[in-house]
Amino acid sequence: MRELAGQDGPVAVPGRPWGRALGLRGPDRLHGYLVVTSRSRPTEAEYCLLLMLVRHAAAALSVAFAHRRQRQDALELHRLREQRTTLQRQLIHVTAELGYQRAVHALMADVAASGGGEEAITRALHGLTGLPALVEDRFGRLRSWTGPSRPDPYPEPDPVRQDEMLHAVAREVGPVRVKDRLITLVRPHGEILGVLALVDARDEADEHTVLALEHAATSLALELAHLRDLAEVELRLHRDLVDDLLAGTDEASAYARSGAVGHDLHRSHYVVVVQRSDRTADDSFAQTVGRAASAVGIRSLLTRRADHVVLIADDRPHARALYEALARETGTRSATIGVSARCDSLDDIPHRYQEAQRALEVRRQSRERYGTTFFDELGLYRILGPGNDYRELETFVHEWLGQLIDYDSRHHAAMVETLSRYFDCGGNYDETAESLAIHRSTLRYRLQRIRDISGNDLANVEDRLNLQVATRVWKIVMGGHG
């Protein structure tokens, strides 16, 4: 084992012709090895199953070690409980700063070890200070509130102001007063995971209040970091499974792995693709999409690509529910969602993924680029998706738009884009001119030039239909290029 130096590799076991040591790796350490021996070399399928079991065992060990550390902390704190009970009765009489610090530290450490989560921490902080205590996530959404005068409904955060507030507080040392609140950031290892605050409208907070807030923030940092670590482990397991499903994988393996993460793949599913125009699809955004889906009752498996997040959902999303939930989570409405047709077989998932991408692309190229589009409601655009004969589509486009494309290329003009926008606006001159930021007379001139160059009559029903389809193919399939 020492010779493997942390890597997987063969091992020699007497009486066993084949043996291998497989590392059980956690997020930041090697927990140990799973050593497997056999009288014969395993098949590829058996070896793939073995690797899957190793990944699940490693994830389980990571969680188990985290729980063991918590139990050890709890045992260490057990001997302090009688002291804590005495100190709680004496807190209001404590005048020595050192004594008060120890009391607060013991209380908060015990609260953290009790497993009560954010609610227990805000309850303890409210009890120590007499002020309403609250926890928000880094986006300004309420997670916990203890005490009177809770706003109902809780105000929607402004993303710009929230970021400004976080940066302002981060530049200071210790809690910072912002209007009627005393705020401290929860940021283990420098990463902001949330905000802990006391509502102090009468400016009554003293040094003891500040001390209690700081100790509570330390306990909350441990709690939120632990929750984040668990979420990252779960996200990795989901991502590996979804990546395999999107690429095509063995059904038996997929069903076994989905059962291990608590998801039923035997039901019909839909592939959902989510993209935001203002950011890449990092882990934070993927977790945000997962929370939004859960908030509207969608059970799903989730992964991410460079610019979008993919859900394999066990139900067809409502036309607006997921989009609205995502808008509430992110504080912006700049999201585009594509949903595939129903998927009744795991073998169909890669194709349904293409459908969801097609639905998203059609939405992005439409006048209202933000919102949800379903592949089975695309109508004509369904034939423009992957798997169709691109050469035939290209021939059709050049048959109807070739002269205009050539003209645009030679003269650096925008005749095809003008025609496309004209059809998008339903032939309305004023809307078309406004969308192109040109004068109505300029638009009229361009349309006449289009008639002259192409030889097609926009008043002719057949010409108009074929030109409109050709501009859509040019824009969606060919990306607006010749």
Protein backbone atom coordinates (compact mmCIF):
# COMPACT_ATOMS: atom_id res chain seq x y z
CA MET A 1 0.00 0.00 0.00
CA ARG A 2 2.79 2.43 0.86
CA GLU A 3 4.41 1.77 -2.49
CA LEU A 4 1.21 2.88 -4.26
CA ALA A 5 1.77 6.37 -2.78
CA GLY A 6 -1.91 7.26 -2.84
CA GLN A 7 -2.59 5.94 -6.35
CA ASP A 8 -4.72 2.98 -7.46
CA GLY A 9 -2.74 -0.10 -8.46
CA PRO A 10 -2.29 -3.88 -8.41
CA VAL A 11 -1.58 -5.77 -5.17
CA ALA A 12 -0.32 -9.30 -4.65
CA VAL A 13 -2.39 -11.54 -2.34
CA PRO A 14 -1.41 -15.20 -1.91
CA GLY A 15 -3.82 -17.60 -3.61
CA ARG A 16 -5.48 -14.83 -5.63
CA PRO A 17 -4.25 -14.36 -9.21
CA TRP A 18 -5.88 -10.93 -9.53
CA GLY A 19 -5.84 -8.19 -6.94
CA ARG A 20 -6.21 -4.41 -6.99
CA ALA A 21 -6.25 -1.61 -4.43
CA LEU A 22 -8.72 1.20 -5.20
CA GLY A 23 -8.41 4.47 -3.32
CA LEU A 24 -11.34 5.76 -1.23
CA ARG A 25 -10.86 9.48 -1.82
CA GLY A 26 -12.67 12.28 -0.07
CA PRO A 27 -12.74 15.96 -1.04
CA ASP A 28 -9.43 16.64 0.73
CA ARG A 29 -7.89 13.31 1.75
CA LEU A 30 -7.40 9.63 0.99
CA HIS A 31 -9.50 7.71 3.55
CA GLY A 32 -7.93 4.33 2.69
CA TYR A 33 -8.17 1.59 0.13
CA LEU A 34 -10.73 -0.96 -0.91
CA VAL A 35 -8.68 -4.08 -1.77
CA VAL A 36 -10.44 -6.51 -4.11
CA THR A 37 -9.09 -9.95 -5.08
CA SER A 38 -10.38 -12.59 -7.42
CA ARG A 39 -9.44 -15.94 -8.89
CA SER A 40 -9.98 -14.44 -12.34
CA ARG A 41 -9.82 -11.00 -13.96
CA PRO A 42 -13.22 -9.25 -13.65
CA THR A 43 -15.22 -8.33 -16.71
CA GLU A 44 -15.49 -4.69 -17.82
CA ALA A 45 -19.04 -4.48 -16.46
CA GLU A 46 -17.93 -5.91 -13.10
CA TYR A 47 -15.04 -3.45 -12.96
CA CYS A 48 -17.33 -0.49 -13.77
CA LEU A 49 -19.68 -1.60 -10.99
CA LEU A 50 -16.70 -1.87 -8.66
CA LEU A 51 -15.62 1.71 -9.48
CA MET A 52 -19.16 2.94 -8.81
CA LEU A 53 -19.17 1.20 -5.41
CA VAL A 54 -15.79 2.78 -4.61
CA ARG A 55 -17.16 6.26 -5.39
CA HIS A 56 -20.23 5.71 -3.21
CA ALA A 57 -18.15 4.19 -0.39
CA ALA A 58 -15.75 7.16 -0.51
CA ALA A 59 -18.65 9.61 -0.37
CA ALA A 60 -20.18 7.71 2.55
CA LEU A 61 -16.85 7.72 4.38
CA SER A 62 -16.52 11.48 3.88
CA VAL A 63 -19.92 12.02 5.47
CA ALA A 64 -19.14 9.48 8.22
CA PHE A 65 -15.86 11.20 9.12
CA ALA A 66 -17.68 14.53 9.29
CA HIS A 67 -20.28 13.05 11.63
CA ARG A 68 -17.55 11.42 13.74
CA ARG A 69 -15.80 14.75 14.15
CA GLN A 70 -19.11 16.24 15.29
CA ARG A 71 -19.61 13.44 17.82
CA GLN A 72 -16.08 13.91 19.17
CA ASP A 73 -16.75 17.64 19.57
CA ALA A 74 -20.02 16.83 21.34
CA LEU A 75 -18.23 14.49 23.79
CA GLU A 76 -15.62 17.14 24.48
CA LEU A 77 -18.36 19.68 25.14
CA HIS A 78 -20.40 17.34 27.33
CA ARG A 79 -18.28 18.05 30.39
CA LEU A 80 -18.96 21.78 29.91
CA ARG A 81 -22.75 21.47 30.02
CA GLU A 82 -23.12 21.82 33.78
CA GLN A 83 -20.84 24.87 33.63
CA ARG A 84 -22.92 26.24 30.78
CA THR A 85 -26.18 25.79 32.74
CA THR A 86 -24.71 27.72 35.65
CA LEU A 87 -23.27 30.39 33.37
CA GLN A 88 -26.62 30.90 31.58
CA ARG A 89 -28.27 31.77 34.91
CA GLN A 90 -25.44 34.17 35.70
CA LEU A 91 -25.00 35.84 32.29
CA ILE A 92 -26.99 38.97 33.14
CA HIS A 93 -24.84 39.40 36.28
CA VAL A 94 -21.49 38.91 34.59
CA THR A 95 -19.39 42.07 34.66
CA ALA A 96 -16.01 40.62 33.85
CA GLU A 97 -15.45 40.60 30.08
CA LEU A 98 -13.47 37.37 30.18
CA GLY A 99 -16.20 35.53 32.03
CA TYR A 100 -18.83 36.68 29.58
CA GLN A 101 -16.67 35.62 26.62
CA ARG A 102 -16.29 32.11 28.03
CA ALA A 103 -20.00 31.81 28.70
CA VAL A 104 -20.97 32.91 25.19
CA HIS A 105 -18.36 30.65 23.63
CA ALA A 106 -19.55 27.63 25.61
CA LEU A 107 -23.19 28.31 24.74
CA MET A 108 -22.56 28.76 21.04
CA ALA A 109 -20.24 25.76 20.85
CA ASP A 110 -22.89 23.59 22.49
CA VAL A 111 -25.57 24.92 20.16
CA ALA A 112 -23.40 24.06 17.17
CA ALA A 113 -22.77 20.54 18.50
CA SER A 114 -26.48 19.95 19.17
CA GLY A 115 -27.27 19.78 15.45
CA GLY A 116 -30.08 22.34 15.71
CA GLY A 117 -28.81 24.24 12.67
CA GLU A 118 -29.42 27.88 11.87
CA GLU A 119 -32.65 28.08 13.90
CA ALA A 120 -30.83 27.02 17.08
CA ILE A 121 -28.11 29.61 16.51
CA THR A 122 -30.55 32.50 15.96
CA ARG A 123 -32.58 31.38 19.01
CA ALA A 124 -29.45 31.42 21.17
CA LEU A 125 -28.36 34.80 19.82
CA HIS A 126 -31.81 36.28 20.41
CA GLY A 127 -31.78 34.89 23.94
CA LEU A 128 -28.37 36.43 24.66
CA THR A 129 -29.07 39.87 23.23
CA GLY A 130 -32.85 40.31 23.39
CA LEU A 131 -32.73 41.54 19.78
CA PRO A 132 -34.32 39.87 16.72
CA ALA A 133 -31.68 37.65 15.09
CA LEU A 134 -31.71 36.54 11.46
CA VAL A 135 -29.72 34.65 8.83
CA GLU A 136 -29.78 35.49 5.11
CA ASP A 137 -28.02 33.73 2.27
CA ARG A 138 -25.44 35.71 0.33
CA PHE A 139 -28.14 36.85 -2.10
CA GLY A 140 -30.22 38.46 0.66
CA ARG A 141 -32.93 35.82 1.02
CA LEU A 142 -34.12 35.00 4.52
CA ARG A 143 -33.13 31.57 5.93
CA SER A 144 -33.96 31.99 9.63
CA TRP A 145 -35.49 34.64 11.94
CA THR A 146 -35.96 34.53 15.71
CA GLY A 147 -37.66 37.35 17.55
CA PRO A 148 -40.50 39.83 17.01
CA SER A 149 -41.28 42.15 14.07
CA ARG A 150 -40.42 39.77 11.25
CA PRO A 151 -41.46 41.42 7.94
CA ASP A 152 -44.19 39.52 6.12
CA PRO A 153 -43.62 39.15 3.26
CA TYR A 154 -39.87 39.44 3.56
CA PRO A 155 -38.65 42.07 1.07
CA GLU A 156 -37.14 40.89 -2.20
CA PRO A 157 -33.43 41.74 -2.30
CA ASP A 158 -31.87 44.06 -4.86
CA PRO A 159 -28.85 42.18 -6.31
CA VAL A 160 -26.82 45.34 -6.95
CA ARG A 161 -27.38 46.78 -3.47
CA GLN A 162 -26.77 43.37 -1.91
CA ASP A 163 -23.37 43.08 -3.59
CA GLU A 164 -22.48 46.64 -2.57
CA MET A 165 -23.44 45.87 1.03
CA LEU A 166 -21.39 42.64 1.09
CA HIS A 167 -18.30 44.40 -0.25
CA ALA A 168 -18.70 47.27 2.21
CA VAL A 169 -19.02 44.93 5.21
CA ALA A 170 -16.16 42.72 3.97
CA ARG A 171 -13.79 45.70 4.01
CA GLU A 172 -14.37 46.26 7.75
CA VAL A 173 -13.15 44.28 10.76
CA GLY A 174 -15.99 42.92 12.90
CA PRO A 175 -19.74 43.61 12.71
CA VAL A 176 -20.91 46.66 10.76
CA ARG A 177 -24.06 48.74 11.27
CA VAL A 178 -26.20 49.06 8.13
CA LYS A 179 -29.28 51.17 8.85
CA ASP A 180 -31.12 49.43 11.73
CA ARG A 181 -29.10 46.21 11.56
CA LEU A 182 -25.80 45.06 13.03
CA ILE A 183 -24.34 42.76 10.36
CA THR A 184 -21.49 40.28 10.20
CA LEU A 185 -20.54 38.04 7.29
CA VAL A 186 -20.39 34.28 7.57
CA ARG A 187 -17.30 33.42 5.55
CA PRO A 188 -15.21 30.39 6.50
CA HIS A 189 -11.92 30.41 4.59
CA GLY A 190 -12.85 33.76 3.02
CA GLU A 191 -15.88 32.53 1.05
CA ILE A 192 -19.12 34.39 1.87
CA LEU A 193 -21.82 31.81 2.64
CA GLY A 194 -24.35 34.11 4.27
CA VAL A 195 -25.12 37.05 6.57
CA LEU A 196 -25.90 37.00 10.31
CA ALA A 197 -27.58 40.11 11.68
CA LEU A 198 -29.28 41.63 14.69
CA VAL A 199 -32.12 44.13 14.27
CA ASP A 200 -31.16 47.05 16.54
CA ALA A 201 -33.53 49.89 15.67
CA ARG A 202 -32.83 51.76 18.94
CA ASP A 203 -29.02 51.45 18.69
CA GLU A 204 -28.82 49.53 21.98
CA ALA A 205 -26.01 47.14 21.03
CA ASP A 206 -22.95 47.24 23.30
CA GLU A 207 -19.65 45.35 23.33
CA HIS A 208 -21.36 42.27 24.83
CA THR A 209 -23.85 42.24 21.95
CA VAL A 210 -21.02 42.48 19.41
CA LEU A 211 -19.17 39.63 21.12
CA ALA A 212 -22.25 37.38 21.08
CA LEU A 213 -22.79 38.16 17.39
CA GLU A 214 -19.20 37.28 16.53
CA HIS A 215 -19.33 33.94 18.38
CA ALA A 216 -22.67 33.12 16.76
CA ALA A 217 -21.14 33.88 13.34
CA THR A 218 -18.31 31.42 14.08
CA SER A 219 -20.78 28.66 14.97
CA LEU A 220 -22.89 29.47 11.93
CA ALA A 221 -19.83 29.33 9.67
CA LEU A 222 -19.18 25.74 10.79
CA GLU A 223 -22.82 24.82 10.20
CA LEU A 224 -23.05 26.37 6.73
CA ALA A 225 -19.67 24.96 5.68
CA HIS A 226 -20.82 21.48 6.72
CA LEU A 227 -24.08 21.85 4.77
CA ARG A 228 -22.15 23.07 1.75
CA ASP A 229 -19.77 20.11 1.92
CA LEU A 230 -22.69 17.67 2.03
CA ALA A 231 -24.35 19.47 -0.89
CA GLU A 232 -21.12 19.27 -2.91
CA VAL A 233 -20.83 15.51 -2.33
CA GLU A 234 -24.45 15.01 -3.39
CA LEU A 235 -23.95 17.28 -6.41
CA ARG A 236 -20.91 15.27 -7.52
CA LEU A 237 -22.82 11.99 -7.32
CA HIS A 238 -25.73 13.48 -9.27
CA ARG A 239 -23.39 14.99 -11.84
CA ASP A 240 -21.56 11.74 -12.56
CA LEU A 241 -24.84 9.91 -13.09
CA VAL A 242 -26.40 12.60 -15.27
CA ASP A 243 -23.26 12.93 -17.38
CA ASP A 244 -23.43 9.20 -18.10
CA LEU A 245 -27.16 9.35 -18.86
CA LEU A 246 -26.68 12.20 -21.32
CA ALA A 247 -23.91 10.29 -23.07
CA GLY A 248 -25.79 6.96 -22.98
CA THR A 249 -25.15 4.34 -20.30
CA ASP A 250 -26.07 0.84 -19.13
CA GLU A 251 -29.64 0.73 -17.74
CA ALA A 252 -28.93 -1.63 -14.85
CA SER A 253 -26.04 0.52 -13.66
CA ALA A 254 -28.07 3.72 -14.04
CA TYR A 255 -31.02 2.32 -12.05
CA ALA A 256 -28.72 1.12 -9.28
CA ARG A 257 -26.88 4.44 -9.05
CA SER A 258 -30.09 6.49 -9.11
CA GLY A 259 -31.48 4.37 -6.28
CA ALA A 260 -28.32 5.06 -4.29
CA VAL A 261 -28.94 8.81 -4.50
CA GLY A 262 -32.68 8.44 -3.79
CA HIS A 263 -34.07 9.10 -7.26
CA ASP A 264 -36.50 6.87 -9.20
CA LEU A 265 -35.43 6.65 -12.85
CA HIS A 266 -38.15 4.13 -13.74
CA ARG A 267 -40.67 6.96 -14.19
CA SER A 268 -41.08 9.12 -17.27
CA HIS A 269 -38.71 12.09 -17.27
CA TYR A 270 -38.06 15.38 -19.03
CA VAL A 271 -34.68 16.91 -19.80
CA VAL A 272 -34.53 20.58 -18.79
CA VAL A 273 -31.73 22.95 -19.83
CA VAL A 274 -31.28 26.24 -17.95
CA GLN A 275 -29.05 29.12 -19.01
CA ARG A 276 -28.41 32.62 -17.71
CA SER A 277 -27.08 35.28 -20.03
CA ASP A 278 -25.08 37.06 -17.34
CA ARG A 279 -23.00 34.24 -15.86
CA THR A 280 -21.37 30.86 -16.49
CA ALA A 281 -22.90 27.68 -15.09
CA ASP A 282 -20.71 27.18 -12.01
CA ASP A 283 -21.53 25.00 -8.99
CA SER A 284 -23.23 27.90 -7.23
CA PHE A 285 -25.63 28.45 -10.12
CA ALA A 286 -26.24 24.70 -10.41
CA GLN A 287 -27.22 24.55 -6.73
CA THR A 288 -29.47 27.58 -7.22
CA VAL A 289 -31.26 25.84 -10.10
CA GLY A 290 -31.65 22.73 -7.93
CA ARG A 291 -33.22 24.77 -5.11
CA ALA A 292 -35.62 26.45 -7.54
CA ALA A 293 -36.68 23.07 -8.95
CA SER A 294 -37.25 21.68 -5.44
CA ALA A 295 -39.25 24.76 -4.50
CA VAL A 296 -41.83 23.99 -7.23
CA GLY A 297 -41.97 20.27 -6.42
CA ILE A 298 -39.69 18.97 -9.19
CA ARG A 299 -37.54 16.00 -8.17
CA SER A 300 -34.50 15.87 -10.40
CA LEU A 301 -30.94 14.82 -11.06
CA LEU A 302 -28.63 17.69 -11.97
CA THR A 303 -25.36 18.42 -13.72
CA ARG A 304 -23.81 21.40 -15.44
CA ARG A 305 -22.03 22.25 -18.63
CA ALA A 306 -19.85 25.28 -19.39
CA ASP A 307 -22.79 27.60 -20.12
CA HIS A 308 -25.91 25.78 -18.90
CA VAL A 309 -27.32 23.50 -16.21
CA VAL A 310 -29.08 20.23 -17.09
CA LEU A 311 -31.91 18.69 -15.03
CA ILE A 312 -33.38 15.24 -15.58
CA ALA A 313 -36.77 15.96 -14.01
CA ASP A 314 -39.43 13.43 -13.00
CA ASP A 315 -42.28 15.68 -14.13
CA ARG A 316 -43.02 18.22 -16.86
CA PRO A 317 -42.31 21.70 -15.47
CA HIS A 318 -45.15 24.17 -15.37
CA ALA A 319 -44.92 26.80 -18.11
CA ARG A 320 -43.83 29.56 -15.70
CA ALA A 321 -43.36 28.03 -12.22
CA LEU A 322 -39.69 27.00 -12.59
CA TYR A 323 -38.76 30.28 -14.33
CA GLU A 324 -40.44 32.36 -11.58
CA ALA A 325 -38.81 30.28 -8.81
CA LEU A 326 -35.42 30.76 -10.45
CA ALA A 327 -36.05 34.51 -10.74
CA ARG A 328 -36.79 34.63 -7.00
CA GLU A 329 -33.64 32.66 -6.17
CA THR A 330 -31.32 34.74 -8.35
CA GLY A 331 -32.98 38.14 -8.18
CA THR A 332 -32.93 38.46 -11.97
CA ARG A 333 -35.19 37.38 -14.82
CA SER A 334 -32.41 36.84 -17.37
CA ALA A 335 -32.83 33.05 -17.55
CA THR A 336 -33.77 30.89 -20.53
CA ILE A 337 -35.19 27.38 -20.09
CA GLY A 338 -35.63 24.63 -22.69
CA VAL A 339 -37.69 21.51 -21.97
CA SER A 340 -37.65 18.29 -23.99
CA ALA A 341 -40.54 16.04 -24.92
CA ARG A 342 -41.39 13.24 -22.48
CA CYS A 343 -38.74 10.56 -22.10
CA ASP A 344 -39.99 7.03 -21.38
CA SER A 345 -36.67 5.21 -21.78
CA LEU A 346 -33.15 5.86 -20.55
CA ASP A 347 -31.91 5.26 -24.10
CA ASP A 348 -33.92 8.33 -25.21
CA ILE A 349 -32.22 10.73 -22.79
CA PRO A 350 -29.34 11.79 -25.11
CA HIS A 351 -31.86 12.63 -27.87
CA ARG A 352 -34.15 14.43 -25.41
CA TYR A 353 -31.13 16.45 -24.30
CA GLN A 354 -30.72 17.66 -27.89
CA GLU A 355 -34.43 18.55 -27.95
CA ALA A 356 -34.11 20.63 -24.77
CA GLN A 357 -31.09 22.43 -26.24
CA ARG A 358 -33.05 23.10 -29.43
CA ALA A 359 -35.98 24.52 -27.43
CA LEU A 360 -33.58 26.76 -25.49
CA GLU A 361 -31.87 27.95 -28.68
CA VAL A 362 -35.20 28.80 -30.34
CA ARG A 363 -36.17 30.78 -27.24
CA ARG A 364 -32.85 32.65 -27.22
CA GLN A 365 -33.32 33.63 -30.87
CA SER A 366 -36.91 34.82 -30.35
CA ARG A 367 -38.02 38.35 -29.51
CA GLU A 368 -38.70 37.36 -25.86
CA ARG A 369 -35.46 35.49 -25.18
CA TYR A 370 -36.10 34.91 -21.46
CA GLY A 371 -38.63 32.35 -20.21
CA THR A 372 -39.50 28.70 -20.84
CA THR A 373 -39.93 26.92 -24.19
CA PHE A 374 -41.10 23.32 -24.64
CA PHE A 375 -39.81 21.25 -27.55
CA ASP A 376 -43.19 19.63 -28.17
CA GLU A 377 -44.71 23.10 -28.66
CA LEU A 378 -42.14 24.31 -31.22
CA GLY A 379 -44.24 23.37 -34.24
CA LEU A 380 -42.22 24.04 -37.39
CA TYR A 381 -38.99 24.53 -35.44
CA ARG A 382 -39.01 20.87 -34.38
CA ILE A 383 -37.81 19.88 -37.86
CA LEU A 384 -34.89 22.29 -37.59
CA GLY A 385 -33.22 20.40 -34.78
CA PRO A 386 -30.25 18.01 -34.68
CA GLY A 387 -30.65 14.80 -36.65
CA ASN A 388 -32.24 16.42 -39.68
CA ASP A 389 -30.46 16.67 -43.03
CA TYR A 390 -28.39 19.80 -42.67
CA ARG A 391 -27.39 19.72 -46.32
CA GLU A 392 -31.04 19.89 -47.41
CA LEU A 393 -31.69 22.79 -45.07
CA GLU A 394 -28.61 24.61 -46.35
CA THR A 395 -29.75 24.11 -49.95
CA PHE A 396 -33.20 25.45 -49.06
CA VAL A 397 -31.70 28.54 -47.40
CA HIS A 398 -29.46 29.35 -50.35
CA GLU A 399 -32.31 28.78 -52.78
CA TRP A 400 -34.38 31.49 -51.12
CA LEU A 401 -31.79 33.73 -49.46
CA GLY A 402 -28.57 33.10 -51.38
CA GLN A 403 -28.67 36.32 -53.39
CA LEU A 404 -29.38 38.38 -50.26
CA ILE A 405 -26.61 36.62 -48.29
CA ASP A 406 -24.14 37.32 -51.11
CA TYR A 407 -25.27 40.94 -51.31
CA ASP A 408 -24.81 41.38 -47.52
CA SER A 409 -21.35 39.86 -47.76
CA ARG A 410 -20.22 42.09 -50.63
CA HIS A 411 -21.72 45.33 -49.33
CA HIS A 412 -21.52 44.73 -45.54
CA ALA A 413 -25.28 45.14 -45.45
CA ALA A 414 -27.99 43.51 -43.33
CA MET A 415 -30.72 42.59 -45.79
CA VAL A 416 -31.27 39.07 -44.41
CA GLU A 417 -31.41 40.31 -40.81
CA THR A 418 -33.86 43.03 -41.88
CA LEU A 419 -36.09 40.43 -43.55
CA SER A 420 -35.88 38.14 -40.51
CA ARG A 421 -36.81 40.96 -38.14
CA TYR A 422 -39.66 42.01 -40.45
CA PHE A 423 -41.18 38.52 -40.18
CA ASP A 424 -40.55 38.38 -36.41
CA CYS A 425 -42.58 41.56 -36.04
CA GLY A 426 -45.48 40.14 -38.07
CA GLY A 427 -44.89 42.51 -40.97
CA ASN A 428 -45.48 45.58 -38.80
CA TYR A 429 -43.39 48.44 -40.22
CA ASP A 430 -43.22 50.51 -37.03
CA GLU A 431 -42.18 47.58 -34.77
CA THR A 432 -39.63 46.36 -37.31
CA ALA A 433 -38.06 49.80 -37.74
CA GLU A 434 -37.91 50.29 -33.98
CA SER A 435 -36.30 46.87 -33.38
CA LEU A 436 -33.66 47.63 -36.04
CA ALA A 437 -33.19 51.20 -34.77
CA ILE A 438 -33.78 52.64 -38.25
CA HIS A 439 -36.29 55.05 -39.76
CA ARG A 440 -39.50 53.73 -41.30
CA SER A 441 -38.48 55.10 -44.72
CA THR A 442 -35.13 53.27 -44.45
CA LEU A 443 -37.00 50.04 -43.75
CA ARG A 444 -39.27 50.61 -46.75
CA TYR A 445 -36.22 51.17 -48.96
CA ARG A 446 -34.56 47.99 -47.69
CA LEU A 447 -37.66 45.87 -48.31
CA GLN A 448 -37.83 47.19 -51.86
CA ARG A 449 -34.15 46.36 -52.36
CA ILE A 450 -34.86 42.86 -51.01
CA ARG A 451 -37.56 42.42 -53.66
CA ASP A 452 -35.23 43.68 -56.37
CA ILE A 453 -32.24 41.56 -55.33
CA SER A 454 -34.05 38.29 -54.59
CA GLY A 455 -36.75 38.54 -57.24
CA ASN A 456 -39.31 37.39 -54.65
CA ASP A 457 -42.59 39.14 -53.91
CA LEU A 458 -43.36 39.61 -50.22
CA ALA A 459 -47.03 39.99 -51.09
CA ASN A 460 -47.10 36.47 -52.57
CA VAL A 461 -48.28 33.93 -49.97
CA GLU A 462 -45.96 31.12 -51.12
CA ASP A 463 -42.91 33.39 -51.43
CA ARG A 464 -43.61 34.92 -48.04
CA LEU A 465 -43.96 31.51 -46.34
CA ASN A 466 -40.76 30.13 -47.86
CA LEU A 467 -38.80 33.29 -47.09
CA GLN A 468 -39.97 33.27 -43.49
CA VAL A 469 -39.00 29.61 -43.02
CA ALA A 470 -35.66 30.26 -44.73
CA THR A 471 -34.84 33.18 -42.41
CA ARG A 472 -35.66 31.00 -39.39
CA VAL A 473 -33.40 28.19 -40.62
CA TRP A 474 -30.67 30.75 -41.40
CA LYS A 475 -30.95 32.23 -37.92
CA ILE A 476 -31.46 29.14 -35.74
CA VAL A 477 -29.69 26.30 -37.54
CA MET A 478 -26.97 28.22 -39.36
CA GLY A 479 -26.50 30.77 -36.58
CA GLY A 480 -27.18 33.73 -38.86
CA HIS A 481 -24.22 32.99 -41.13
CA GLY A 482 -23.98 32.38 -44.87
